[in-house]
Amino acid sequence: MKPLTPDAIAPPFARYSHGIEIPAGARIVRTSGQLGLARDGSVPPDAAAQAEICFANIGHILAQADMSAADVFHVSAYVTDRAHMAGYMQARDSFLAPATVLPTSTLVIVSGFTRPEFVVEVEVWAARTDP
C-alpha cells in the first residue's frame, strides 16, 4: 500500500494518511462495525475499554482472512461524544502500532447506537497482496 499525502494540502493532524493506493490484485476485507461487546456479553463503561474490544474483535476477523492491523487501509469510527475521542484514539493507535503505512481514517460523532451503553463503534477495510 502506498500512502498519499500531497504537499499541496495540510498534513494530517493525527496518525492517519490522507489517501491510500491499493495495489492491483489485492484481496480486500471489510468488517462490519464492531461495538464494545465482549464475548461474555459484557460492555465496559468507558470508551477506551470499548474501543479495545472493538479492535480486538477486528483483529480476530482479519486473522481469519490471514490479515492483521498492518493490512488495514481505512478505519471508520463513531463515538457518541467528543469526550470519547481520546480513549478511542489511544486504542486505535495501539492497534495500528505495527503498521508501517498509516491508514486513512474517519471519525464521526453520532447521537447513539442500538443500546445506550455503547459509546464507540469501529469498522475497517484491509487489503493484502499474497505472494
N, C-alpha and C. Protein backbone atom coordinates (compact mmCIF):
# COMPACT_ATOMS: atom_id res chain seq x y z
N MET A 1 0.85 -1.18 0.00
CA MET A 1 0.00 0.00 0.00
C MET A 1 0.89 1.24 0.00
N LYS A 2 0.41 2.24 -0.68
CA LYS A 2 1.18 3.48 -0.81
C LYS A 2 0.39 4.63 -0.19
N PRO A 3 0.96 5.31 0.83
CA PRO A 3 0.25 6.45 1.40
C PRO A 3 0.26 7.63 0.44
N LEU A 4 -0.83 8.38 0.43
CA LEU A 4 -0.96 9.56 -0.43
C LEU A 4 -1.20 10.77 0.45
N THR A 5 -0.17 11.59 0.61
CA THR A 5 -0.25 12.79 1.43
C THR A 5 0.39 13.93 0.65
N PRO A 6 -0.37 14.57 -0.24
CA PRO A 6 0.19 15.62 -1.11
C PRO A 6 0.70 16.83 -0.32
N ASP A 7 1.78 17.42 -0.81
CA ASP A 7 2.32 18.63 -0.20
C ASP A 7 1.38 19.82 -0.37
N ALA A 8 0.45 19.73 -1.33
CA ALA A 8 -0.45 20.84 -1.64
C ALA A 8 -1.56 21.02 -0.60
N ILE A 9 -1.70 20.07 0.34
CA ILE A 9 -2.72 20.21 1.38
C ILE A 9 -2.07 20.10 2.75
N ALA A 10 -2.77 20.54 3.76
CA ALA A 10 -2.25 20.48 5.13
C ALA A 10 -1.99 19.03 5.51
N PRO A 11 -0.94 18.76 6.28
CA PRO A 11 -0.67 17.39 6.69
C PRO A 11 -1.75 16.88 7.65
N PRO A 12 -1.89 15.56 7.76
CA PRO A 12 -2.86 15.01 8.71
C PRO A 12 -2.55 15.53 10.12
N PHE A 13 -3.59 15.78 10.90
CA PHE A 13 -3.37 16.28 12.26
C PHE A 13 -3.40 15.18 13.31
N ALA A 14 -3.48 13.94 12.88
CA ALA A 14 -3.39 12.79 13.78
C ALA A 14 -2.69 11.68 13.01
N ARG A 15 -2.71 10.46 13.53
CA ARG A 15 -1.99 9.34 12.93
C ARG A 15 -2.84 8.68 11.84
N TYR A 16 -2.84 9.29 10.67
CA TYR A 16 -3.55 8.72 9.52
C TYR A 16 -2.93 9.27 8.24
N SER A 17 -3.27 8.68 7.11
CA SER A 17 -2.86 9.17 5.79
C SER A 17 -4.07 9.80 5.11
N HIS A 18 -3.83 10.81 4.27
CA HIS A 18 -4.94 11.41 3.54
C HIS A 18 -5.53 10.45 2.52
N GLY A 19 -4.72 9.60 1.94
CA GLY A 19 -5.18 8.64 0.96
C GLY A 19 -4.28 7.42 0.96
N ILE A 20 -4.76 6.33 0.39
CA ILE A 20 -4.01 5.07 0.28
C ILE A 20 -4.24 4.50 -1.10
N GLU A 21 -3.18 4.12 -1.76
CA GLU A 21 -3.29 3.43 -3.04
C GLU A 21 -3.13 1.93 -2.79
N ILE A 22 -4.12 1.15 -3.23
CA ILE A 22 -4.11 -0.29 -3.04
C ILE A 22 -3.55 -0.93 -4.31
N PRO A 23 -2.60 -1.85 -4.17
CA PRO A 23 -2.03 -2.48 -5.37
C PRO A 23 -3.04 -3.37 -6.09
N ALA A 24 -2.87 -3.47 -7.40
CA ALA A 24 -3.73 -4.33 -8.21
C ALA A 24 -3.64 -5.76 -7.71
N GLY A 25 -4.75 -6.46 -7.73
CA GLY A 25 -4.77 -7.87 -7.34
C GLY A 25 -4.86 -8.12 -5.85
N ALA A 26 -4.98 -7.07 -5.06
CA ALA A 26 -5.05 -7.26 -3.61
C ALA A 26 -6.40 -7.85 -3.21
N ARG A 27 -6.37 -8.72 -2.19
CA ARG A 27 -7.62 -9.20 -1.59
C ARG A 27 -8.10 -8.10 -0.65
N ILE A 28 -9.40 -7.87 -0.59
CA ILE A 28 -9.98 -6.82 0.25
C ILE A 28 -10.90 -7.46 1.28
N VAL A 29 -10.80 -6.98 2.51
CA VAL A 29 -11.71 -7.38 3.59
C VAL A 29 -12.31 -6.12 4.18
N ARG A 30 -13.61 -6.15 4.40
CA ARG A 30 -14.29 -5.06 5.10
C ARG A 30 -15.03 -5.67 6.27
N THR A 31 -14.84 -5.09 7.44
CA THR A 31 -15.55 -5.59 8.61
C THR A 31 -16.85 -4.82 8.79
N SER A 32 -17.77 -5.44 9.47
CA SER A 32 -18.94 -4.72 9.97
C SER A 32 -18.47 -3.85 11.13
N GLY A 33 -19.30 -2.89 11.49
CA GLY A 33 -18.98 -2.09 12.66
C GLY A 33 -18.95 -2.98 13.89
N GLN A 34 -17.88 -2.84 14.66
CA GLN A 34 -17.72 -3.62 15.88
C GLN A 34 -17.98 -2.73 17.08
N LEU A 35 -18.80 -3.21 17.98
CA LEU A 35 -19.13 -2.49 19.21
C LEU A 35 -18.30 -3.04 20.36
N GLY A 36 -18.27 -2.33 21.47
CA GLY A 36 -17.50 -2.75 22.64
C GLY A 36 -18.19 -3.84 23.43
N LEU A 37 -18.58 -4.89 22.75
CA LEU A 37 -19.28 -6.02 23.36
C LEU A 37 -18.31 -7.18 23.50
N ALA A 38 -17.99 -7.53 24.74
CA ALA A 38 -17.08 -8.65 24.99
C ALA A 38 -17.79 -9.97 24.67
N ARG A 39 -17.01 -11.02 24.51
CA ARG A 39 -17.58 -12.33 24.15
C ARG A 39 -18.60 -12.81 25.19
N ASP A 40 -18.37 -12.43 26.46
CA ASP A 40 -19.29 -12.85 27.53
C ASP A 40 -20.54 -11.97 27.62
N GLY A 41 -20.66 -11.01 26.69
CA GLY A 41 -21.84 -10.14 26.67
C GLY A 41 -21.69 -8.87 27.48
N SER A 42 -20.58 -8.70 28.18
CA SER A 42 -20.39 -7.50 28.98
C SER A 42 -19.96 -6.32 28.11
N VAL A 43 -20.26 -5.12 28.60
CA VAL A 43 -19.89 -3.88 27.92
C VAL A 43 -19.23 -2.98 28.96
N PRO A 44 -17.93 -2.70 28.80
CA PRO A 44 -17.27 -1.81 29.76
C PRO A 44 -17.86 -0.40 29.69
N PRO A 45 -17.77 0.35 30.79
CA PRO A 45 -18.39 1.67 30.82
C PRO A 45 -17.62 2.76 30.09
N ASP A 46 -16.31 2.56 29.84
CA ASP A 46 -15.53 3.66 29.26
C ASP A 46 -15.17 3.40 27.80
N ALA A 47 -14.93 4.50 27.08
CA ALA A 47 -14.67 4.44 25.64
C ALA A 47 -13.39 3.70 25.31
N ALA A 48 -12.34 3.89 26.09
CA ALA A 48 -11.07 3.22 25.79
C ALA A 48 -11.23 1.71 25.84
N ALA A 49 -11.87 1.21 26.87
CA ALA A 49 -12.07 -0.24 27.01
C ALA A 49 -12.99 -0.77 25.91
N GLN A 50 -14.02 -0.02 25.57
CA GLN A 50 -14.90 -0.45 24.48
C GLN A 50 -14.13 -0.48 23.16
N ALA A 51 -13.32 0.54 22.91
CA ALA A 51 -12.55 0.59 21.67
C ALA A 51 -11.53 -0.55 21.61
N GLU A 52 -10.95 -0.91 22.74
CA GLU A 52 -10.02 -2.05 22.77
C GLU A 52 -10.73 -3.33 22.36
N ILE A 53 -11.96 -3.51 22.82
CA ILE A 53 -12.75 -4.68 22.42
C ILE A 53 -13.04 -4.61 20.92
N CYS A 54 -13.44 -3.43 20.44
CA CYS A 54 -13.72 -3.27 19.00
C CYS A 54 -12.50 -3.71 18.19
N PHE A 55 -11.33 -3.22 18.54
CA PHE A 55 -10.13 -3.55 17.77
C PHE A 55 -9.69 -4.99 17.97
N ALA A 56 -9.91 -5.55 19.14
CA ALA A 56 -9.60 -6.98 19.34
C ALA A 56 -10.49 -7.83 18.44
N ASN A 57 -11.79 -7.49 18.38
CA ASN A 57 -12.71 -8.21 17.50
C ASN A 57 -12.27 -8.08 16.05
N ILE A 58 -11.89 -6.88 15.65
CA ILE A 58 -11.41 -6.65 14.28
C ILE A 58 -10.17 -7.49 14.02
N GLY A 59 -9.28 -7.57 14.99
CA GLY A 59 -8.09 -8.39 14.85
C GLY A 59 -8.43 -9.85 14.59
N HIS A 60 -9.44 -10.37 15.27
CA HIS A 60 -9.87 -11.76 15.06
C HIS A 60 -10.48 -11.94 13.67
N ILE A 61 -11.26 -10.98 13.22
CA ILE A 61 -11.85 -11.05 11.88
C ILE A 61 -10.75 -11.05 10.83
N LEU A 62 -9.80 -10.14 10.96
CA LEU A 62 -8.70 -10.06 10.00
C LEU A 62 -7.86 -11.33 10.01
N ALA A 63 -7.63 -11.88 11.19
CA ALA A 63 -6.82 -13.11 11.29
C ALA A 63 -7.48 -14.25 10.52
N GLN A 64 -8.80 -14.31 10.53
CA GLN A 64 -9.50 -15.36 9.80
C GLN A 64 -9.23 -15.25 8.29
N ALA A 65 -8.90 -14.04 7.82
CA ALA A 65 -8.57 -13.83 6.41
C ALA A 65 -7.05 -13.78 6.20
N ASP A 66 -6.29 -14.23 7.21
CA ASP A 66 -4.82 -14.19 7.17
C ASP A 66 -4.31 -12.76 6.97
N MET A 67 -4.94 -11.83 7.69
CA MET A 67 -4.53 -10.42 7.67
C MET A 67 -4.33 -9.95 9.10
N SER A 68 -3.79 -8.73 9.21
CA SER A 68 -3.56 -8.14 10.53
C SER A 68 -3.75 -6.63 10.44
N ALA A 69 -3.49 -5.95 11.54
CA ALA A 69 -3.59 -4.49 11.57
C ALA A 69 -2.69 -3.85 10.51
N ALA A 70 -1.60 -4.50 10.18
CA ALA A 70 -0.69 -3.97 9.16
C ALA A 70 -1.33 -3.92 7.78
N ASP A 71 -2.42 -4.64 7.56
CA ASP A 71 -3.10 -4.66 6.27
C ASP A 71 -4.27 -3.67 6.20
N VAL A 72 -4.56 -2.98 7.29
CA VAL A 72 -5.69 -2.05 7.33
C VAL A 72 -5.35 -0.80 6.53
N PHE A 73 -6.26 -0.43 5.60
CA PHE A 73 -6.04 0.79 4.84
C PHE A 73 -7.07 1.88 5.13
N HIS A 74 -8.15 1.55 5.86
CA HIS A 74 -9.10 2.58 6.28
C HIS A 74 -9.78 2.18 7.58
N VAL A 75 -9.95 3.16 8.46
CA VAL A 75 -10.67 2.98 9.72
C VAL A 75 -11.80 4.01 9.76
N SER A 76 -13.02 3.54 10.00
CA SER A 76 -14.14 4.43 10.28
C SER A 76 -14.56 4.18 11.73
N ALA A 77 -14.68 5.26 12.46
CA ALA A 77 -15.06 5.14 13.88
C ALA A 77 -16.16 6.13 14.20
N TYR A 78 -16.97 5.73 15.15
CA TYR A 78 -18.11 6.53 15.57
C TYR A 78 -18.11 6.57 17.09
N VAL A 79 -18.20 7.76 17.65
CA VAL A 79 -18.29 7.92 19.11
C VAL A 79 -19.50 8.78 19.42
N THR A 80 -20.02 8.64 20.62
CA THR A 80 -21.23 9.37 20.97
C THR A 80 -20.96 10.73 21.61
N ASP A 81 -19.68 11.07 21.81
CA ASP A 81 -19.35 12.36 22.43
C ASP A 81 -17.89 12.66 22.18
N ARG A 82 -17.55 13.93 22.05
CA ARG A 82 -16.14 14.32 21.88
C ARG A 82 -15.28 13.80 23.04
N ALA A 83 -15.86 13.68 24.20
CA ALA A 83 -15.12 13.19 25.36
C ALA A 83 -14.59 11.77 25.16
N HIS A 84 -15.17 11.02 24.23
CA HIS A 84 -14.75 9.64 23.98
C HIS A 84 -13.63 9.53 22.93
N MET A 85 -13.30 10.65 22.30
CA MET A 85 -12.29 10.61 21.23
C MET A 85 -10.93 10.16 21.73
N ALA A 86 -10.47 10.66 22.86
CA ALA A 86 -9.13 10.34 23.36
C ALA A 86 -9.01 8.84 23.65
N GLY A 87 -10.00 8.26 24.30
CA GLY A 87 -9.96 6.82 24.60
C GLY A 87 -9.97 5.99 23.34
N TYR A 88 -10.80 6.38 22.38
CA TYR A 88 -10.83 5.69 21.10
C TYR A 88 -9.47 5.80 20.40
N MET A 89 -8.92 7.00 20.33
CA MET A 89 -7.67 7.21 19.60
C MET A 89 -6.51 6.46 20.25
N GLN A 90 -6.52 6.34 21.56
CA GLN A 90 -5.48 5.57 22.26
C GLN A 90 -5.55 4.11 21.83
N ALA A 91 -6.75 3.54 21.80
CA ALA A 91 -6.91 2.14 21.38
C ALA A 91 -6.56 1.97 19.90
N ARG A 92 -6.97 2.92 19.07
CA ARG A 92 -6.65 2.86 17.64
C ARG A 92 -5.15 2.88 17.41
N ASP A 93 -4.46 3.81 18.06
CA ASP A 93 -3.01 3.93 17.87
C ASP A 93 -2.29 2.68 18.36
N SER A 94 -2.77 2.08 19.43
CA SER A 94 -2.17 0.83 19.92
C SER A 94 -2.37 -0.30 18.91
N PHE A 95 -3.58 -0.41 18.37
CA PHE A 95 -3.89 -1.44 17.39
C PHE A 95 -3.03 -1.27 16.14
N LEU A 96 -2.84 -0.03 15.70
CA LEU A 96 -2.11 0.24 14.47
C LEU A 96 -0.60 0.35 14.65
N ALA A 97 -0.11 0.18 15.87
CA ALA A 97 1.32 0.35 16.14
C ALA A 97 2.23 -0.44 15.20
N PRO A 98 1.89 -1.69 14.82
CA PRO A 98 2.79 -2.41 13.93
C PRO A 98 2.73 -1.97 12.46
N ALA A 99 1.78 -1.13 12.11
CA ALA A 99 1.61 -0.73 10.71
C ALA A 99 2.75 0.18 10.26
N THR A 100 3.27 -0.08 9.08
CA THR A 100 4.31 0.79 8.52
C THR A 100 3.70 1.90 7.67
N VAL A 101 2.49 1.68 7.17
CA VAL A 101 1.74 2.69 6.42
C VAL A 101 0.47 2.98 7.21
N LEU A 102 0.29 4.24 7.57
CA LEU A 102 -0.91 4.59 8.33
C LEU A 102 -2.12 4.61 7.41
N PRO A 103 -3.25 4.06 7.86
CA PRO A 103 -4.46 4.02 7.03
C PRO A 103 -5.12 5.39 6.95
N THR A 104 -6.08 5.50 6.06
CA THR A 104 -6.95 6.66 6.07
C THR A 104 -7.90 6.48 7.26
N SER A 105 -8.54 7.57 7.67
CA SER A 105 -9.34 7.49 8.88
C SER A 105 -10.50 8.48 8.83
N THR A 106 -11.65 8.04 9.34
CA THR A 106 -12.81 8.91 9.51
C THR A 106 -13.33 8.71 10.92
N LEU A 107 -13.58 9.81 11.63
CA LEU A 107 -14.14 9.76 12.98
C LEU A 107 -15.36 10.67 13.01
N VAL A 108 -16.50 10.11 13.40
CA VAL A 108 -17.75 10.85 13.40
C VAL A 108 -18.39 10.77 14.79
N ILE A 109 -18.94 11.88 15.23
CA ILE A 109 -19.69 11.91 16.48
C ILE A 109 -21.16 11.69 16.13
N VAL A 110 -21.75 10.66 16.76
CA VAL A 110 -23.12 10.27 16.46
C VAL A 110 -23.99 10.42 17.71
N SER A 111 -25.29 10.36 17.51
CA SER A 111 -26.20 10.55 18.65
C SER A 111 -26.35 9.30 19.50
N GLY A 112 -26.03 8.13 18.96
CA GLY A 112 -26.14 6.92 19.75
C GLY A 112 -26.13 5.67 18.91
N PHE A 113 -26.16 4.52 19.59
CA PHE A 113 -26.16 3.22 18.95
C PHE A 113 -27.39 2.43 19.40
N THR A 114 -27.44 1.15 19.08
CA THR A 114 -28.61 0.32 19.36
C THR A 114 -28.92 0.20 20.85
N ARG A 115 -27.88 0.26 21.67
CA ARG A 115 -28.07 0.22 23.12
C ARG A 115 -27.33 1.41 23.72
N PRO A 116 -27.88 2.04 24.74
CA PRO A 116 -27.30 3.28 25.27
C PRO A 116 -25.91 3.11 25.90
N GLU A 117 -25.55 1.90 26.32
CA GLU A 117 -24.23 1.72 26.94
C GLU A 117 -23.08 1.72 25.94
N PHE A 118 -23.38 1.54 24.66
CA PHE A 118 -22.33 1.60 23.63
C PHE A 118 -21.96 3.05 23.35
N VAL A 119 -20.65 3.34 23.36
CA VAL A 119 -20.19 4.70 23.08
C VAL A 119 -19.20 4.76 21.91
N VAL A 120 -18.77 3.60 21.40
CA VAL A 120 -17.80 3.53 20.30
C VAL A 120 -18.19 2.40 19.35
N GLU A 121 -18.04 2.64 18.06
CA GLU A 121 -18.16 1.60 17.05
C GLU A 121 -17.06 1.81 16.02
N VAL A 122 -16.44 0.72 15.57
CA VAL A 122 -15.31 0.81 14.64
C VAL A 122 -15.47 -0.23 13.54
N GLU A 123 -15.17 0.19 12.30
CA GLU A 123 -15.11 -0.74 11.18
C GLU A 123 -13.84 -0.44 10.39
N VAL A 124 -13.31 -1.45 9.71
CA VAL A 124 -12.10 -1.24 8.93
C VAL A 124 -12.21 -1.88 7.55
N TRP A 125 -11.35 -1.40 6.67
CA TRP A 125 -11.09 -2.01 5.37
C TRP A 125 -9.63 -2.44 5.40
N ALA A 126 -9.33 -3.63 4.88
CA ALA A 126 -7.96 -4.12 4.82
C ALA A 126 -7.70 -4.71 3.44
N ALA A 127 -6.45 -4.72 3.05
CA ALA A 127 -6.08 -5.28 1.74
C ALA A 127 -4.73 -5.98 1.87
N ARG A 128 -4.60 -7.06 1.12
CA ARG A 128 -3.34 -7.81 1.15
C ARG A 128 -3.11 -8.42 -0.23
N THR A 129 -1.89 -8.28 -0.69
CA THR A 129 -1.46 -8.93 -1.92
C THR A 129 -0.67 -10.15 -1.51
N ASP A 130 -1.18 -11.31 -1.85
CA ASP A 130 -0.48 -12.54 -1.48
C ASP A 130 0.71 -12.77 -2.39
N PRO A 131 1.79 -13.31 -1.83
CA PRO A 131 3.00 -13.54 -2.64
C PRO A 131 2.78 -14.57 -3.73
